[in-house]
Amino acid sequence: MSIAFNELQKGITIIIDKQPYEIIEASRLFKGRGHSVLQTKLKNLISNNVVSRTFHPSDEFEEAEIEKTKAKFLYSHRKKFIFSEENPSANSGQCPSPRFEIDENQIHEQSKFLKPNQIVEILKYRDEIINISLPIKITLKVIEAPPGIQGARSQPGTKTITLETNAKINAPLFIKESDLIEINTETHEYVRRIDSHT
């Protein structure tokens, strides 16, 4: 389905070079005589690569029809990630949820933040699973945290910690083992420590 230039905005998915992209940033620039261009950042929904692109009103666009469904991550085995479909009838015991696997190469860096029973979005393009989408912010437990010693000047006040999914990220010096912390899955950065008493 074709899409008009003035319909382009953050969240819209379009096809470029036969691959689906999502617009993650969009800013319109006016260039006199009513002419405008759209500067965008696009994420390839298959490779997760982000590219910059400027669009003009004369460009033609085709919308990428992406089907999104919910699924639960179960476990991983030999670089395969096993999920089950979210099936309301399965919760009542009527029938088991269908299981399927996704290769590590399809989900890329997102695999570092997957933990059992986590709910994710499955992205399908032309009836094929192309990727998953994690919540932007998730909570994970710290399983390793070195003592809070002042680091090198290039990274003042941070240290490398290990999360329950075995992912390693930088976090403030006060973070310790067994803390629950919030992670931004898009930037792979520490957001905040979760108060376990709340």
Protein backbone atom coordinates (compact mmCIF):
# COMPACT_ATOMS: atom_id res chain seq x y z
CA MET A 1 0.00 0.00 0.00
CA SER A 2 1.40 3.37 -0.99
CA ILE A 3 1.82 6.11 1.58
CA ALA A 4 1.97 9.88 1.07
CA PHE A 5 4.93 12.08 2.00
CA ASN A 6 2.85 14.03 4.53
CA GLU A 7 1.91 10.78 6.29
CA LEU A 8 5.51 9.96 7.17
CA GLN A 9 6.12 10.23 10.89
CA LYS A 10 7.70 8.39 13.80
CA GLY A 11 6.41 4.82 14.05
CA ILE A 12 5.50 4.44 10.36
CA THR A 13 7.04 1.43 8.58
CA ILE A 14 8.10 1.70 4.94
CA ILE A 15 9.90 -0.47 2.40
CA ILE A 16 13.35 0.62 1.18
CA ASP A 17 15.39 -1.61 -1.12
CA LYS A 18 12.87 -4.41 -0.50
CA GLN A 19 13.42 -4.35 3.27
CA PRO A 20 11.12 -3.05 6.04
CA TYR A 21 12.22 0.02 8.00
CA GLU A 22 10.61 1.83 10.90
CA ILE A 23 10.89 5.61 11.22
CA ILE A 24 12.32 6.24 14.70
CA GLU A 25 12.98 9.97 14.29
CA ALA A 26 11.45 12.50 11.90
CA SER A 27 11.89 16.26 11.56
CA ARG A 28 10.43 18.39 8.78
CA LEU A 29 12.56 21.18 7.30
CA PHE A 30 11.00 23.98 5.24
CA LYS A 31 13.13 25.30 2.37
CA GLY A 32 11.28 28.29 1.02
CA ARG A 33 8.50 28.56 -1.57
CA GLY A 34 6.52 26.01 0.43
CA HIS A 35 9.03 23.25 -0.30
CA SER A 36 9.91 20.91 2.57
CA VAL A 37 12.01 17.81 3.18
CA LEU A 38 11.84 15.22 5.93
CA GLN A 39 15.01 14.24 7.74
CA THR A 40 14.65 10.82 9.32
CA LYS A 41 16.40 8.08 11.20
CA LEU A 42 15.25 4.65 10.14
CA LYS A 43 15.72 1.25 11.79
CA ASN A 44 15.98 -1.81 9.59
CA LEU A 45 13.53 -4.23 11.22
CA ILE A 46 15.54 -7.23 10.02
CA SER A 47 19.13 -6.21 10.80
CA ASN A 48 18.41 -3.57 13.50
CA ASN A 49 20.82 -1.19 11.71
CA VAL A 50 19.94 2.50 11.97
CA VAL A 51 20.44 4.81 8.97
CA SER A 52 19.77 8.49 8.24
CA ARG A 53 17.73 9.44 5.20
CA THR A 54 16.23 12.64 3.78
CA PHE A 55 12.93 12.34 1.91
CA HIS A 56 11.34 14.73 -0.58
CA PRO A 57 7.66 15.18 -1.51
CA SER A 58 8.37 13.72 -4.97
CA ASP A 59 9.62 10.43 -3.48
CA GLU A 60 7.34 7.41 -3.61
CA PHE A 61 6.75 5.29 -0.53
CA GLU A 62 5.28 1.87 0.12
CA GLU A 63 4.09 0.97 3.58
CA ALA A 64 5.62 -2.18 5.10
CA GLU A 65 2.85 -4.22 6.65
CA ILE A 66 4.27 -5.58 9.90
CA GLU A 67 2.24 -8.05 11.93
CA LYS A 68 2.90 -7.84 15.67
CA THR A 69 1.95 -10.59 18.12
CA LYS A 70 2.79 -11.20 21.76
CA ALA A 71 4.91 -14.18 22.83
CA LYS A 72 6.64 -15.44 25.97
CA PHE A 73 10.35 -16.26 25.98
CA LEU A 74 10.93 -19.72 27.48
CA TYR A 75 14.62 -20.64 27.17
CA SER A 76 17.62 -20.71 24.82
CA HIS A 77 19.59 -23.69 23.54
CA ARG A 78 22.55 -23.66 21.16
CA LYS A 79 21.87 -20.12 19.94
CA LYS A 80 18.19 -20.89 19.39
CA PHE A 81 15.61 -18.96 21.39
CA ILE A 82 12.39 -20.79 22.21
CA PHE A 83 9.12 -18.87 22.57
CA SER A 84 5.47 -19.76 23.09
CA GLU A 85 2.58 -17.84 21.60
CA GLU A 86 0.43 -15.90 24.02
CA ASN A 87 -2.73 -17.93 23.81
CA PRO A 88 -5.58 -16.92 26.15
CA SER A 89 -7.20 -20.38 25.89
CA ALA A 90 -3.93 -22.02 26.98
CA ASN A 91 -4.19 -20.29 30.34
CA SER A 92 -7.49 -22.06 30.97
CA GLY A 93 -5.93 -25.43 30.21
CA GLN A 94 -7.88 -26.01 27.01
CA CYS A 95 -4.81 -26.38 24.80
CA PRO A 96 -1.06 -25.76 25.04
CA SER A 97 0.44 -22.67 23.44
CA PRO A 98 2.32 -23.40 20.21
CA ARG A 99 6.10 -23.13 20.55
CA PHE A 100 8.53 -21.82 17.97
CA GLU A 101 12.21 -20.93 17.80
CA ILE A 102 14.11 -17.91 16.54
CA ASP A 103 17.79 -17.96 15.62
CA GLU A 104 20.18 -15.69 17.50
CA ASN A 105 21.13 -13.99 14.22
CA GLN A 106 17.55 -12.75 13.87
CA ILE A 107 17.31 -10.99 17.23
CA HIS A 108 20.89 -9.73 17.44
CA GLU A 109 21.85 -7.70 20.51
CA GLN A 110 18.38 -8.01 22.02
CA SER A 111 19.20 -11.58 23.05
CA LYS A 112 21.41 -10.14 25.81
CA PHE A 113 18.36 -8.93 27.72
CA LEU A 114 16.02 -11.91 27.36
CA LYS A 115 15.04 -13.74 30.54
CA PRO A 116 12.58 -16.63 30.96
CA ASN A 117 8.87 -15.73 31.02
CA GLN A 118 9.53 -12.31 29.52
CA ILE A 119 6.79 -11.06 27.17
CA VAL A 120 8.00 -9.66 23.84
CA GLU A 121 6.50 -8.61 20.52
CA ILE A 122 7.13 -10.88 17.56
CA LEU A 123 7.50 -9.00 14.26
CA LYS A 124 6.31 -10.73 11.10
CA TYR A 125 6.82 -9.46 7.57
CA ARG A 126 5.20 -11.31 4.68
CA ASP A 127 4.27 -14.15 7.05
CA GLU A 128 7.86 -14.67 8.22
CA ILE A 129 9.26 -13.85 11.64
CA ILE A 130 11.95 -11.22 11.11
CA ASN A 131 12.71 -9.99 14.63
CA ILE A 132 11.44 -9.39 18.14
CA SER A 133 10.76 -6.16 19.99
CA LEU A 134 11.53 -5.87 23.69
CA PRO A 135 9.89 -3.34 25.99
CA ILE A 136 12.02 -0.17 25.95
CA LYS A 137 12.62 -0.48 29.69
CA ILE A 138 13.00 -3.77 31.54
CA THR A 139 14.10 -4.76 35.05
CA LEU A 140 16.99 -7.19 35.57
CA LYS A 141 18.93 -8.45 38.59
CA VAL A 142 22.64 -7.75 39.05
CA ILE A 143 24.60 -10.98 39.58
CA GLU A 144 28.13 -9.54 39.57
CA ALA A 145 29.31 -6.09 40.63
CA PRO A 146 32.93 -5.24 41.53
CA PRO A 147 33.59 -2.96 44.50
CA GLY A 148 32.80 0.69 43.83
CA ILE A 149 36.30 1.89 43.02
CA GLN A 150 36.69 5.09 41.03
CA GLY A 151 37.24 4.09 37.40
CA ALA A 152 39.39 5.60 34.71
CA ARG A 153 38.90 9.27 33.82
CA SER A 154 37.26 8.30 30.56
CA GLN A 155 34.37 6.76 32.51
CA PRO A 156 34.13 8.62 35.82
CA GLY A 157 31.91 7.06 38.40
CA THR A 158 30.96 3.91 36.50
CA LYS A 159 31.90 0.24 36.56
CA THR A 160 31.05 -2.84 34.51
CA ILE A 161 28.43 -5.11 36.03
CA THR A 162 26.89 -8.43 34.94
CA LEU A 163 23.13 -8.96 34.76
CA GLU A 164 21.12 -12.14 35.27
CA THR A 165 21.02 -12.64 31.49
CA ASN A 166 24.87 -12.48 31.46
CA ALA A 167 24.81 -9.14 29.67
CA LYS A 168 27.49 -6.68 30.79
CA ILE A 169 26.76 -2.95 31.02
CA ASN A 170 28.17 0.14 32.72
CA ALA A 171 26.46 1.26 35.92
CA PRO A 172 27.10 3.74 38.76
CA LEU A 173 29.60 2.80 41.46
CA PHE A 174 26.91 2.36 44.12
CA ILE A 175 25.25 -0.56 42.29
CA LYS A 176 25.89 -3.87 44.04
CA GLU A 177 25.18 -7.56 43.59
CA SER A 178 21.49 -8.56 43.91
CA ASP A 179 20.26 -5.04 43.07
CA LEU A 180 17.36 -4.75 40.63
CA ILE A 181 18.00 -2.18 37.95
CA GLU A 182 16.11 -0.75 35.01
CA ILE A 183 17.74 -1.04 31.57
CA ASN A 184 16.98 0.81 28.34
CA THR A 185 16.94 -1.98 25.74
CA GLU A 186 17.39 0.47 22.84
CA THR A 187 20.55 2.14 24.16
CA HIS A 188 21.71 -0.80 26.35
CA GLU A 189 22.23 1.68 29.17
CA TYR A 190 21.52 1.75 32.88
CA VAL A 191 18.45 3.85 33.78
CA ARG A 192 17.95 3.55 37.53
CA ARG A 193 18.03 1.27 40.54
CA ILE A 194 14.66 -0.21 41.54
CA ASP A 195 13.76 0.09 45.20
CA SER A 196 12.88 -3.45 46.27
CA HIS A 197 10.69 -2.06 49.06
CA THR A 198 8.28 -0.34 46.65
